[in-house]
Amino acid sequence: MLNLGRMAIILIVLLTVVYACLFLYWRSGIRQRLEEDWVMEGRPGDRDDWVDERINPHIRRITRWLIFFVYVLPIGGLSVFVYLTN
């Protein structure tokens, strides 16, 4: 049982690193696309404020999907595998 606890802790740490990397990667891609849109449309005002205002809905959607695909799916799959092999 102790080994299962260690494995779970290591798995959570590794999944958190994967989550952070994917989140930052997708967030930077969305930010870059929004900055390009701002330049192409020739909008007046502060670019960073405009981008920050538009990026929030995307961040919420990315967070939901990443939590599901990075945490729920692998842990659920591992749980089913352990259950079926025992």
Protein backbone atom coordinates (compact mmCIF):
# COMPACT_ATOMS: atom_id res chain seq x y z
CA MET A 1 0.00 0.00 0.00
CA LEU A 2 2.90 2.31 0.72
CA ASN A 3 4.26 1.80 -2.80
CA LEU A 4 0.88 2.72 -4.26
CA GLY A 5 0.96 5.97 -2.29
CA ARG A 6 4.45 6.77 -3.53
CA MET A 7 3.43 6.03 -7.09
CA ALA A 8 0.38 8.27 -6.74
CA ILE A 9 2.47 11.17 -5.43
CA ILE A 10 5.02 10.80 -8.23
CA LEU A 11 2.20 10.55 -10.79
CA ILE A 12 0.53 13.72 -9.50
CA VAL A 13 3.83 15.63 -9.60
CA LEU A 14 4.59 14.47 -13.14
CA LEU A 15 1.08 15.25 -14.34
CA THR A 16 1.31 18.71 -12.79
CA VAL A 17 4.52 19.39 -14.72
CA VAL A 18 2.84 18.22 -17.94
CA TYR A 19 -0.21 20.39 -17.15
CA ALA A 20 1.91 23.49 -16.54
CA CYS A 21 3.92 23.00 -19.73
CA LEU A 22 0.85 22.45 -21.90
CA PHE A 23 -1.00 25.36 -20.31
CA LEU A 24 1.86 27.78 -20.89
CA TYR A 25 2.38 26.51 -24.45
CA TRP A 26 -1.27 26.92 -25.46
CA ARG A 27 -1.61 30.23 -23.63
CA SER A 28 1.40 31.67 -25.46
CA GLY A 29 -0.01 30.48 -28.79
CA ILE A 30 -3.36 32.13 -28.13
CA ARG A 31 -1.64 35.30 -26.94
CA GLN A 32 0.49 35.43 -30.08
CA ARG A 33 -2.57 34.94 -32.31
CA LEU A 34 -4.45 37.71 -30.49
CA GLU A 35 -1.48 40.06 -30.76
CA GLU A 36 -1.30 39.39 -34.50
CA ASP A 37 -5.03 40.10 -34.80
CA TRP A 38 -4.58 43.37 -32.94
CA VAL A 39 -1.80 44.45 -35.30
CA MET A 40 -3.64 43.34 -38.47
CA GLU A 41 -6.81 45.20 -37.50
CA GLY A 42 -4.87 48.35 -36.60
CA ARG A 43 -6.68 48.85 -33.30
CA PRO A 44 -5.96 51.94 -31.24
CA GLY A 45 -5.15 51.76 -27.54
CA ASP A 46 -3.07 49.47 -25.39
CA ARG A 47 -2.38 46.09 -26.97
CA ASP A 48 -1.72 44.27 -23.69
CA ASP A 49 -5.05 45.35 -22.17
CA TRP A 50 -6.94 44.30 -25.29
CA VAL A 51 -5.19 40.90 -25.38
CA ASP A 52 -5.69 40.28 -21.64
CA GLU A 53 -9.39 41.06 -21.99
CA ARG A 54 -9.83 38.62 -24.89
CA ILE A 55 -7.65 35.80 -23.52
CA ASN A 56 -9.71 35.10 -20.37
CA PRO A 57 -12.46 33.00 -22.03
CA HIS A 58 -9.81 30.97 -23.81
CA ILE A 59 -7.94 30.36 -20.56
CA ARG A 60 -11.06 28.99 -18.85
CA ARG A 61 -11.75 26.62 -21.73
CA ILE A 62 -8.14 25.41 -21.86
CA THR A 63 -8.10 24.83 -18.11
CA ARG A 64 -11.20 22.61 -18.25
CA TRP A 65 -9.88 20.53 -21.13
CA LEU A 66 -6.41 20.18 -19.66
CA ILE A 67 -7.70 19.07 -16.27
CA PHE A 68 -9.72 16.37 -17.99
CA PHE A 69 -7.02 15.16 -20.39
CA VAL A 70 -4.02 15.51 -18.07
CA TYR A 71 -5.45 14.43 -14.70
CA VAL A 72 -8.78 12.62 -15.04
CA LEU A 73 -8.08 10.48 -18.10
CA PRO A 74 -4.67 9.05 -17.06
CA ILE A 75 -5.63 8.48 -13.43
CA GLY A 76 -8.93 6.92 -14.47
CA GLY A 77 -7.21 4.71 -17.01
CA LEU A 78 -4.62 3.61 -14.48
CA SER A 79 -7.35 2.88 -11.94
CA VAL A 80 -9.25 0.73 -14.44
CA PHE A 81 -6.05 -1.09 -15.37
CA VAL A 82 -5.22 -1.84 -11.72
CA TYR A 83 -8.78 -2.96 -11.04
CA LEU A 84 -8.89 -5.27 -14.03
CA THR A 85 -5.49 -6.85 -13.39
CA ASN A 86 -6.24 -7.60 -9.76
